[in-house]
Amino acid sequence: MTTTQHDQDQNQNQNQNQDQHQDQDQHQDPNQEFHYTHNDAGLLNQPIGYWSWAANKAVIDYIRAGLTEVGLTQPQWWVINQVRDGARPREDVFTMLRGYLDVGDALRSDIDELIERGVLATAGEESISLTDTGHELLERATARQRKSLARIHEGVPDADFLTTMKVLQRMIHNTGGKAWHH
């Protein structure tokens, strides 16, 4: 059976429509009324691996989109946040942050880009610090991050947030995983 260009175009359009529908399903309007996916008994049987992944993805995507508004990637935000109080050895900043969300050695290019943009100054190759431009960017990014965190925490009482953090950390421990955040 041969496929015509019309058939190929029609299949491509159907695939695009399916992708758009899936994208809409995964990115609900946060202003809509919230409903749990299952009753309590059903939630107890839900896979924690899936829901922790989905929460991770949704929160990180949201934070990254907000930082993009001020011209930063998330790893760049981590870097400027580490030097907010003054110069630090570049290698110390790299070593501390390279494990965050598995960014790894790509963090070196993020630091280099911040230097090229005039956000960071260097004292030789040993230390990095914020420039005046960097301080201004840090202020804008901090304000954006506060806005993002307020939205993420909306409707979540502090006691529930604390319980969630303790449960996730315990699950990491129970599975022999490693996680650390200062």
N, C-alpha and C. Protein backbone atom coordinates (compact mmCIF):
# COMPACT_ATOMS: atom_id res chain seq x y z
N MET A 1 0.85 -1.18 0.00
CA MET A 1 0.00 0.00 0.00
C MET A 1 0.89 1.23 0.00
N THR A 2 0.64 2.15 -0.88
CA THR A 2 1.43 3.36 -0.95
C THR A 2 0.72 4.49 -0.21
N THR A 3 1.54 5.35 0.35
CA THR A 3 1.01 6.48 1.10
C THR A 3 1.17 7.73 0.26
N THR A 4 0.10 8.47 0.12
CA THR A 4 0.16 9.72 -0.64
C THR A 4 0.63 10.84 0.28
N GLN A 5 1.03 11.95 -0.33
CA GLN A 5 1.43 13.13 0.45
C GLN A 5 0.26 13.60 1.31
N HIS A 6 -0.97 13.50 0.76
CA HIS A 6 -2.15 13.91 1.52
C HIS A 6 -2.29 13.06 2.79
N ASP A 7 -2.09 11.73 2.66
CA ASP A 7 -2.18 10.84 3.82
C ASP A 7 -1.11 11.19 4.86
N GLN A 8 0.11 11.45 4.38
CA GLN A 8 1.19 11.80 5.29
C GLN A 8 0.88 13.11 6.01
N ASP A 9 0.38 14.09 5.27
CA ASP A 9 0.02 15.37 5.89
C ASP A 9 -1.09 15.19 6.92
N GLN A 10 -2.08 14.35 6.56
CA GLN A 10 -3.20 14.11 7.47
C GLN A 10 -2.72 13.42 8.75
N ASN A 11 -1.82 12.43 8.62
CA ASN A 11 -1.26 11.75 9.80
C ASN A 11 -0.46 12.72 10.65
N GLN A 12 0.31 13.58 10.00
CA GLN A 12 1.10 14.56 10.74
C GLN A 12 0.19 15.51 11.51
N ASN A 13 -0.89 15.98 10.88
CA ASN A 13 -1.84 16.86 11.56
C ASN A 13 -2.50 16.17 12.74
N GLN A 14 -2.85 14.88 12.59
CA GLN A 14 -3.45 14.13 13.69
C GLN A 14 -2.46 14.01 14.85
N ASN A 15 -1.19 13.72 14.53
CA ASN A 15 -0.17 13.61 15.57
C ASN A 15 0.02 14.94 16.29
N GLN A 16 0.04 16.03 15.54
CA GLN A 16 0.19 17.35 16.15
C GLN A 16 -0.99 17.65 17.06
N ASN A 17 -2.21 17.33 16.62
CA ASN A 17 -3.39 17.56 17.44
C ASN A 17 -3.33 16.73 18.72
N GLN A 18 -2.87 15.47 18.62
CA GLN A 18 -2.73 14.64 19.81
C GLN A 18 -1.69 15.23 20.75
N ASP A 19 -0.55 15.69 20.21
CA ASP A 19 0.48 16.31 21.04
C ASP A 19 -0.05 17.54 21.74
N GLN A 20 -0.80 18.38 21.02
CA GLN A 20 -1.36 19.59 21.61
C GLN A 20 -2.34 19.22 22.72
N HIS A 21 -3.17 18.19 22.49
CA HIS A 21 -4.14 17.77 23.50
C HIS A 21 -3.41 17.26 24.74
N GLN A 22 -2.37 16.44 24.54
CA GLN A 22 -1.60 15.94 25.68
C GLN A 22 -0.94 17.08 26.41
N ASP A 23 -0.39 18.05 25.67
CA ASP A 23 0.25 19.20 26.29
C ASP A 23 -0.75 19.99 27.13
N GLN A 24 -1.97 20.18 26.62
CA GLN A 24 -2.99 20.90 27.37
C GLN A 24 -3.37 20.14 28.62
N ASP A 25 -3.44 18.80 28.53
CA ASP A 25 -3.78 17.99 29.69
C ASP A 25 -2.71 18.12 30.78
N GLN A 26 -1.46 18.20 30.38
CA GLN A 26 -0.37 18.25 31.34
C GLN A 26 -0.15 19.66 31.89
N HIS A 27 -0.64 20.67 31.24
CA HIS A 27 -0.44 22.05 31.68
C HIS A 27 -1.80 22.70 31.91
N GLN A 28 -2.41 22.34 33.01
CA GLN A 28 -3.71 22.89 33.36
C GLN A 28 -3.55 24.33 33.82
N ASP A 29 -4.59 25.10 33.66
CA ASP A 29 -4.62 26.48 34.13
C ASP A 29 -4.59 26.46 35.66
N PRO A 30 -3.55 27.04 36.27
CA PRO A 30 -3.44 27.01 37.74
C PRO A 30 -4.54 27.81 38.44
N ASN A 31 -5.30 28.59 37.68
CA ASN A 31 -6.39 29.36 38.29
C ASN A 31 -7.70 28.56 38.34
N GLN A 32 -7.73 27.40 37.70
CA GLN A 32 -8.92 26.56 37.76
C GLN A 32 -9.02 25.92 39.15
N GLU A 33 -10.24 25.55 39.51
CA GLU A 33 -10.45 24.90 40.80
C GLU A 33 -9.66 23.60 40.84
N PHE A 34 -9.06 23.31 41.97
CA PHE A 34 -8.23 22.12 42.13
C PHE A 34 -9.09 20.95 42.61
N HIS A 35 -8.84 19.78 42.02
CA HIS A 35 -9.49 18.54 42.43
C HIS A 35 -8.42 17.45 42.46
N TYR A 36 -8.48 16.60 43.49
CA TYR A 36 -7.58 15.44 43.52
C TYR A 36 -7.98 14.46 42.43
N THR A 37 -7.02 13.67 41.97
CA THR A 37 -7.29 12.72 40.89
C THR A 37 -8.09 11.52 41.37
N HIS A 38 -8.02 11.20 42.65
CA HIS A 38 -8.66 10.01 43.21
C HIS A 38 -9.14 10.34 44.63
N ASN A 39 -10.01 9.48 45.16
CA ASN A 39 -10.38 9.61 46.57
C ASN A 39 -9.19 9.14 47.42
N ASP A 40 -9.29 9.27 48.73
CA ASP A 40 -8.16 8.94 49.60
C ASP A 40 -7.68 7.50 49.41
N ALA A 41 -8.60 6.55 49.31
CA ALA A 41 -8.21 5.15 49.12
C ALA A 41 -7.48 4.99 47.78
N GLY A 42 -7.96 5.66 46.77
CA GLY A 42 -7.31 5.59 45.46
C GLY A 42 -5.94 6.24 45.47
N LEU A 43 -5.80 7.35 46.19
CA LEU A 43 -4.50 8.03 46.27
C LEU A 43 -3.46 7.15 46.96
N LEU A 44 -3.89 6.37 47.94
CA LEU A 44 -2.95 5.49 48.63
C LEU A 44 -2.36 4.44 47.70
N ASN A 45 -3.03 4.15 46.61
CA ASN A 45 -2.55 3.15 45.65
C ASN A 45 -1.86 3.77 44.45
N GLN A 46 -1.68 5.07 44.44
CA GLN A 46 -1.03 5.73 43.32
C GLN A 46 0.48 5.54 43.41
N PRO A 47 1.18 5.49 42.27
CA PRO A 47 2.63 5.28 42.27
C PRO A 47 3.39 6.57 42.66
N ILE A 48 4.09 6.52 43.76
CA ILE A 48 4.84 7.69 44.25
C ILE A 48 5.91 8.10 43.24
N GLY A 49 6.49 7.14 42.54
CA GLY A 49 7.50 7.48 41.54
C GLY A 49 6.94 8.39 40.47
N TYR A 50 5.75 8.07 39.99
CA TYR A 50 5.14 8.92 38.97
C TYR A 50 4.82 10.30 39.54
N TRP A 51 4.16 10.35 40.68
CA TRP A 51 3.70 11.64 41.21
C TRP A 51 4.86 12.52 41.67
N SER A 52 5.92 11.93 42.21
CA SER A 52 7.08 12.75 42.58
C SER A 52 7.77 13.28 41.32
N TRP A 53 7.82 12.46 40.26
CA TRP A 53 8.37 12.92 38.98
C TRP A 53 7.51 14.04 38.40
N ALA A 54 6.19 13.86 38.41
CA ALA A 54 5.29 14.87 37.83
C ALA A 54 5.40 16.18 38.60
N ALA A 55 5.48 16.11 39.93
CA ALA A 55 5.64 17.33 40.73
C ALA A 55 6.98 17.99 40.43
N ASN A 56 8.03 17.19 40.37
CA ASN A 56 9.36 17.70 40.05
C ASN A 56 9.35 18.44 38.72
N LYS A 57 8.79 17.80 37.71
CA LYS A 57 8.77 18.40 36.38
C LYS A 57 7.95 19.69 36.35
N ALA A 58 6.76 19.66 36.95
CA ALA A 58 5.89 20.84 36.94
C ALA A 58 6.54 22.01 37.66
N VAL A 59 7.10 21.76 38.82
CA VAL A 59 7.72 22.85 39.61
C VAL A 59 8.96 23.39 38.91
N ILE A 60 9.81 22.51 38.43
CA ILE A 60 11.03 22.98 37.76
C ILE A 60 10.70 23.74 36.48
N ASP A 61 9.76 23.23 35.70
CA ASP A 61 9.36 23.94 34.48
C ASP A 61 8.83 25.34 34.82
N TYR A 62 8.03 25.43 35.87
CA TYR A 62 7.46 26.72 36.29
C TYR A 62 8.56 27.68 36.74
N ILE A 63 9.47 27.20 37.55
CA ILE A 63 10.58 28.04 38.04
C ILE A 63 11.45 28.49 36.86
N ARG A 64 11.78 27.57 35.98
CA ARG A 64 12.64 27.91 34.84
C ARG A 64 11.98 28.92 33.92
N ALA A 65 10.68 28.79 33.71
CA ALA A 65 9.97 29.76 32.88
C ALA A 65 10.03 31.15 33.51
N GLY A 66 9.88 31.23 34.80
CA GLY A 66 9.96 32.52 35.49
C GLY A 66 11.35 33.13 35.40
N LEU A 67 12.38 32.31 35.56
CA LEU A 67 13.75 32.82 35.47
C LEU A 67 14.09 33.27 34.05
N THR A 68 13.51 32.61 33.06
CA THR A 68 13.72 33.01 31.67
C THR A 68 13.23 34.44 31.45
N GLU A 69 12.18 34.83 32.17
CA GLU A 69 11.65 36.19 32.05
C GLU A 69 12.68 37.24 32.43
N VAL A 70 13.62 36.89 33.31
CA VAL A 70 14.65 37.85 33.70
C VAL A 70 15.99 37.55 33.04
N GLY A 71 16.01 36.58 32.12
CA GLY A 71 17.21 36.31 31.35
C GLY A 71 18.20 35.35 31.99
N LEU A 72 17.71 34.43 32.80
CA LEU A 72 18.59 33.47 33.45
C LEU A 72 18.10 32.04 33.25
N THR A 73 19.04 31.12 33.25
CA THR A 73 18.70 29.71 33.38
C THR A 73 18.69 29.40 34.88
N GLN A 74 18.12 28.27 35.24
CA GLN A 74 18.12 27.91 36.66
C GLN A 74 19.54 27.73 37.20
N PRO A 75 20.44 27.02 36.49
CA PRO A 75 21.81 26.94 37.01
C PRO A 75 22.49 28.30 37.15
N GLN A 76 22.22 29.23 36.25
CA GLN A 76 22.80 30.57 36.38
C GLN A 76 22.26 31.27 37.63
N TRP A 77 20.98 31.05 37.94
CA TRP A 77 20.39 31.60 39.15
C TRP A 77 21.13 31.05 40.37
N TRP A 78 21.39 29.75 40.37
CA TRP A 78 22.10 29.15 41.50
C TRP A 78 23.47 29.81 41.68
N VAL A 79 24.16 30.05 40.57
CA VAL A 79 25.51 30.63 40.63
C VAL A 79 25.46 32.04 41.22
N ILE A 80 24.59 32.90 40.67
CA ILE A 80 24.59 34.28 41.18
C ILE A 80 24.10 34.32 42.63
N ASN A 81 23.26 33.39 43.00
CA ASN A 81 22.80 33.32 44.38
C ASN A 81 23.95 32.93 45.31
N GLN A 82 24.88 32.12 44.85
CA GLN A 82 26.02 31.69 45.67
C GLN A 82 27.04 32.81 45.91
N VAL A 83 27.04 33.81 45.05
CA VAL A 83 28.01 34.91 45.23
C VAL A 83 27.31 36.20 45.64
N ARG A 84 26.08 36.10 46.08
CA ARG A 84 25.31 37.29 46.46
C ARG A 84 25.96 38.07 47.61
N ASP A 85 26.67 37.38 48.49
CA ASP A 85 27.28 38.04 49.64
C ASP A 85 28.75 38.36 49.45
N GLY A 86 29.28 38.13 48.27
CA GLY A 86 30.68 38.45 48.01
C GLY A 86 31.37 37.38 47.19
N ALA A 87 32.61 37.66 46.86
CA ALA A 87 33.40 36.77 46.00
C ALA A 87 33.57 35.40 46.66
N ARG A 88 33.56 34.40 45.80
CA ARG A 88 33.79 33.03 46.24
C ARG A 88 34.68 32.35 45.21
N PRO A 89 35.45 31.40 45.65
CA PRO A 89 36.26 30.66 44.67
C PRO A 89 35.35 29.97 43.65
N ARG A 90 35.68 30.17 42.40
CA ARG A 90 34.88 29.62 41.30
C ARG A 90 34.72 28.11 41.44
N GLU A 91 35.79 27.42 41.79
CA GLU A 91 35.75 25.96 41.89
C GLU A 91 34.85 25.52 43.05
N ASP A 92 34.81 26.29 44.14
CA ASP A 92 33.92 25.96 45.25
C ASP A 92 32.45 26.06 44.83
N VAL A 93 32.13 27.12 44.08
CA VAL A 93 30.76 27.30 43.59
C VAL A 93 30.40 26.15 42.65
N PHE A 94 31.30 25.83 41.74
CA PHE A 94 31.08 24.73 40.81
C PHE A 94 30.87 23.41 41.55
N THR A 95 31.75 23.10 42.49
CA THR A 95 31.67 21.84 43.23
C THR A 95 30.37 21.73 44.00
N MET A 96 29.93 22.82 44.61
CA MET A 96 28.71 22.79 45.39
C MET A 96 27.48 22.56 44.50
N LEU A 97 27.44 23.20 43.34
CA LEU A 97 26.23 23.21 42.53
C LEU A 97 26.15 22.13 41.46
N ARG A 98 27.25 21.53 41.10
CA ARG A 98 27.26 20.61 39.95
C ARG A 98 26.33 19.42 40.11
N GLY A 99 26.01 19.04 41.33
CA GLY A 99 25.12 17.92 41.55
C GLY A 99 23.65 18.30 41.54
N TYR A 100 23.35 19.58 41.60
CA TYR A 100 21.95 20.02 41.61
C TYR A 100 21.29 19.60 40.31
N LEU A 101 20.24 18.84 40.41
CA LEU A 101 19.46 18.38 39.26
C LEU A 101 20.35 17.84 38.15
N ASP A 102 21.46 17.22 38.55
CA ASP A 102 22.38 16.59 37.61
C ASP A 102 22.92 17.52 36.55
N VAL A 103 23.14 18.79 36.89
CA VAL A 103 23.63 19.75 35.90
C VAL A 103 25.06 19.41 35.44
N GLY A 104 25.85 18.85 36.34
CA GLY A 104 27.19 18.38 35.99
C GLY A 104 28.11 19.45 35.45
N ASP A 105 28.98 19.04 34.53
CA ASP A 105 30.01 19.93 33.99
C ASP A 105 29.44 21.06 33.14
N ALA A 106 28.19 20.97 32.72
CA ALA A 106 27.57 22.05 31.94
C ALA A 106 27.53 23.34 32.74
N LEU A 107 27.64 23.23 34.05
CA LEU A 107 27.63 24.42 34.91
C LEU A 107 28.82 25.34 34.59
N ARG A 108 29.93 24.77 34.15
CA ARG A 108 31.09 25.61 33.81
C ARG A 108 30.73 26.60 32.69
N SER A 109 29.98 26.15 31.69
CA SER A 109 29.62 27.06 30.60
C SER A 109 28.60 28.10 31.07
N ASP A 110 27.76 27.74 32.03
CA ASP A 110 26.84 28.73 32.60
C ASP A 110 27.61 29.84 33.31
N ILE A 111 28.64 29.46 34.06
CA ILE A 111 29.49 30.45 34.74
C ILE A 111 30.20 31.32 33.71
N ASP A 112 30.76 30.68 32.68
CA ASP A 112 31.45 31.43 31.62
C ASP A 112 30.50 32.43 30.94
N GLU A 113 29.27 32.00 30.68
CA GLU A 113 28.31 32.89 30.04
C GLU A 113 28.00 34.09 30.92
N LEU A 114 27.87 33.88 32.22
CA LEU A 114 27.61 35.00 33.14
C LEU A 114 28.78 35.98 33.16
N ILE A 115 29.99 35.47 33.04
CA ILE A 115 31.17 36.34 32.97
C ILE A 115 31.14 37.13 31.66
N GLU A 116 30.86 36.44 30.55
CA GLU A 116 30.81 37.11 29.24
C GLU A 116 29.72 38.19 29.20
N ARG A 117 28.62 37.97 29.89
CA ARG A 117 27.52 38.94 29.91
C ARG A 117 27.78 40.09 30.87
N GLY A 118 28.85 40.03 31.64
CA GLY A 118 29.16 41.10 32.58
C GLY A 118 28.38 41.00 33.88
N VAL A 119 27.81 39.84 34.15
CA VAL A 119 27.06 39.62 35.39
C VAL A 119 28.02 39.27 36.51
N LEU A 120 29.07 38.51 36.16
CA LEU A 120 30.10 38.12 37.12
C LEU A 120 31.43 38.73 36.72
N ALA A 121 32.21 39.06 37.73
CA ALA A 121 33.58 39.51 37.52
C ALA A 121 34.49 38.41 38.06
N THR A 122 35.69 38.35 37.52
CA THR A 122 36.65 37.35 37.99
C THR A 122 37.88 38.06 38.54
N ALA A 123 38.45 37.43 39.52
CA ALA A 123 39.75 37.84 40.04
C ALA A 123 40.69 36.71 39.64
N GLY A 124 41.33 36.88 38.50
CA GLY A 124 42.09 35.76 37.93
C GLY A 124 41.10 34.68 37.54
N GLU A 125 41.48 33.47 37.63
CA GLU A 125 40.55 32.36 37.37
C GLU A 125 40.06 31.77 38.69
N GLU A 126 40.46 32.37 39.78
CA GLU A 126 40.21 31.76 41.08
C GLU A 126 38.87 32.09 41.70
N SER A 127 38.39 33.32 41.58
CA SER A 127 37.14 33.67 42.26
C SER A 127 36.20 34.43 41.33
N ILE A 128 34.93 34.39 41.71
CA ILE A 128 33.90 35.10 40.95
C ILE A 128 33.08 35.93 41.92
N SER A 129 32.58 37.05 41.42
CA SER A 129 31.74 37.94 42.23
C SER A 129 30.77 38.65 41.31
N LEU A 130 29.72 39.20 41.91
CA LEU A 130 28.73 39.93 41.12
C LEU A 130 29.25 41.31 40.74
N THR A 131 28.93 41.73 39.54
CA THR A 131 29.19 43.10 39.10
C THR A 131 27.95 43.93 39.48
N ASP A 132 27.96 45.22 39.18
CA ASP A 132 26.76 46.04 39.40
C ASP A 132 25.59 45.48 38.59
N THR A 133 25.88 45.09 37.34
CA THR A 133 24.85 44.46 36.50
C THR A 133 24.35 43.18 37.16
N GLY A 134 25.26 42.42 37.73
CA GLY A 134 24.89 41.18 38.41
C GLY A 134 24.00 41.42 39.62
N HIS A 135 24.31 42.48 40.39
CA HIS A 135 23.47 42.80 41.56
C HIS A 135 22.05 43.18 41.11
N GLU A 136 21.95 43.95 40.03
CA GLU A 136 20.63 44.32 39.51
C GLU A 136 19.86 43.08 39.04
N LEU A 137 20.55 42.19 38.34
CA LEU A 137 19.92 40.96 37.87
C LEU A 137 19.51 40.09 39.06
N LEU A 138 20.34 40.01 40.06
CA LEU A 138 20.03 39.24 41.26
C LEU A 138 18.75 39.76 41.92
N GLU A 139 18.61 41.07 42.00
CA GLU A 139 17.39 41.64 42.60
C GLU A 139 16.15 41.27 41.80
N ARG A 140 16.23 41.39 40.48
CA ARG A 140 15.08 41.03 39.63
C ARG A 140 14.77 39.54 39.72
N ALA A 141 15.80 38.73 39.70
CA ALA A 141 15.61 37.27 39.77
C ALA A 141 15.06 36.86 41.13
N THR A 142 15.53 37.49 42.20
CA THR A 142 15.02 37.18 43.54
C THR A 142 13.54 37.52 43.64
N ALA A 143 13.15 38.66 43.11
CA ALA A 143 11.74 39.04 43.12
C ALA A 143 10.91 38.03 42.33
N ARG A 144 11.43 37.61 41.19
CA ARG A 144 10.70 36.63 40.36
C ARG A 144 10.60 35.29 41.08
N GLN A 145 11.68 34.87 41.73
CA GLN A 145 11.67 33.61 42.47
C GLN A 145 10.67 33.66 43.63
N ARG A 146 10.60 34.78 44.31
CA ARG A 146 9.63 34.92 45.41
C ARG A 146 8.21 34.77 44.88
N LYS A 147 7.95 35.37 43.73
CA LYS A 147 6.63 35.26 43.09
C LYS A 147 6.34 33.80 42.73
N SER A 148 7.32 33.12 42.16
CA SER A 148 7.16 31.71 41.79
C SER A 148 6.90 30.85 43.01
N LEU A 149 7.68 31.05 44.07
CA LEU A 149 7.52 30.23 45.27
C LEU A 149 6.18 30.48 45.94
N ALA A 150 5.71 31.72 45.92
CA ALA A 150 4.40 32.01 46.50
C ALA A 150 3.31 31.26 45.74
N ARG A 151 3.43 31.24 44.41
CA ARG A 151 2.44 30.52 43.60
C ARG A 151 2.51 29.01 43.86
N ILE A 152 3.70 28.47 43.95
CA ILE A 152 3.88 27.04 44.19
C ILE A 152 3.30 26.64 45.54
N HIS A 153 3.45 27.48 46.54
CA HIS A 153 2.98 27.18 47.90
C HIS A 153 1.51 27.53 48.12
N GLU A 154 0.89 28.18 47.15
CA GLU A 154 -0.49 28.62 47.30
C GLU A 154 -1.40 27.44 47.64
N GLY A 155 -2.19 27.60 48.71
CA GLY A 155 -3.14 26.55 49.12
C GLY A 155 -2.50 25.38 49.84
N VAL A 156 -1.21 25.47 50.13
CA VAL A 156 -0.50 24.40 50.84
C VAL A 156 -0.10 24.94 52.21
N PRO A 157 -0.79 24.52 53.27
CA PRO A 157 -0.42 24.98 54.61
C PRO A 157 1.01 24.57 54.96
N ASP A 158 1.67 25.37 55.79
CA ASP A 158 3.05 25.08 56.18
C ASP A 158 3.18 23.67 56.76
N ALA A 159 2.22 23.23 57.55
CA ALA A 159 2.29 21.89 58.15
C ALA A 159 2.30 20.82 57.07
N ASP A 160 1.49 21.00 56.01
CA ASP A 160 1.47 20.03 54.92
C ASP A 160 2.77 20.05 54.13
N PHE A 161 3.31 21.24 53.92
CA PHE A 161 4.58 21.36 53.21
C PHE A 161 5.67 20.64 54.01
N LEU A 162 5.71 20.88 55.32
CA LEU A 162 6.70 20.23 56.18
C LEU A 162 6.55 18.71 56.12
N THR A 163 5.33 18.22 56.20
CA THR A 163 5.10 16.78 56.10
C THR A 163 5.59 16.24 54.77
N THR A 164 5.29 16.95 53.70
CA THR A 164 5.71 16.51 52.37
C THR A 164 7.23 16.42 52.29
N MET A 165 7.92 17.44 52.79
CA MET A 165 9.39 17.43 52.77
C MET A 165 9.94 16.25 53.56
N LYS A 166 9.37 16.01 54.73
CA LYS A 166 9.84 14.89 55.56
C LYS A 166 9.57 13.55 54.89
N VAL A 167 8.38 13.41 54.29
CA VAL A 167 8.04 12.16 53.61
C VAL A 167 8.98 11.92 52.43
N LEU A 168 9.19 12.93 51.61
CA LEU A 168 10.08 12.75 50.46
C LEU A 168 11.50 12.40 50.89
N GLN A 169 12.01 13.11 51.92
CA GLN A 169 13.36 12.82 52.39
C GLN A 169 13.45 11.41 52.97
N ARG A 170 12.40 10.98 53.66
CA ARG A 170 12.40 9.62 54.21
C ARG A 170 12.38 8.59 53.08
N MET A 171 11.60 8.84 52.03
CA MET A 171 11.55 7.91 50.91
C MET A 171 12.90 7.84 50.19
N ILE A 172 13.58 8.96 50.09
CA ILE A 172 14.92 8.98 49.50
C ILE A 172 15.84 8.11 50.34
N HIS A 173 15.78 8.28 51.65
CA HIS A 173 16.60 7.48 52.57
C HIS A 173 16.25 5.99 52.44
N ASN A 174 14.95 5.68 52.43
CA ASN A 174 14.51 4.28 52.38
C ASN A 174 14.96 3.55 51.13
N THR A 175 15.15 4.28 50.06
CA THR A 175 15.56 3.67 48.80
C THR A 175 17.06 3.75 48.55
N GLY A 176 17.81 4.24 49.53
CA GLY A 176 19.25 4.33 49.40
C GLY A 176 19.71 5.47 48.52
N GLY A 177 18.79 6.40 48.25
CA GLY A 177 19.15 7.54 47.41
C GLY A 177 19.93 8.59 48.17
N LYS A 178 20.47 9.52 47.43
CA LYS A 178 21.20 10.63 48.05
C LYS A 178 20.57 11.93 47.57
N ALA A 179 20.36 12.82 48.50
CA ALA A 179 19.89 14.16 48.16
C ALA A 179 20.40 15.09 49.22
N TRP A 180 20.76 16.26 48.78
CA TRP A 180 21.25 17.25 49.72
C TRP A 180 20.99 18.62 49.13
N HIS A 181 20.54 19.50 49.96
CA HIS A 181 20.37 20.88 49.54
C HIS A 181 20.63 21.73 50.77
N HIS A 182 21.48 22.70 50.62
CA HIS A 182 21.83 23.52 51.79
C HIS A 182 20.71 24.45 52.17
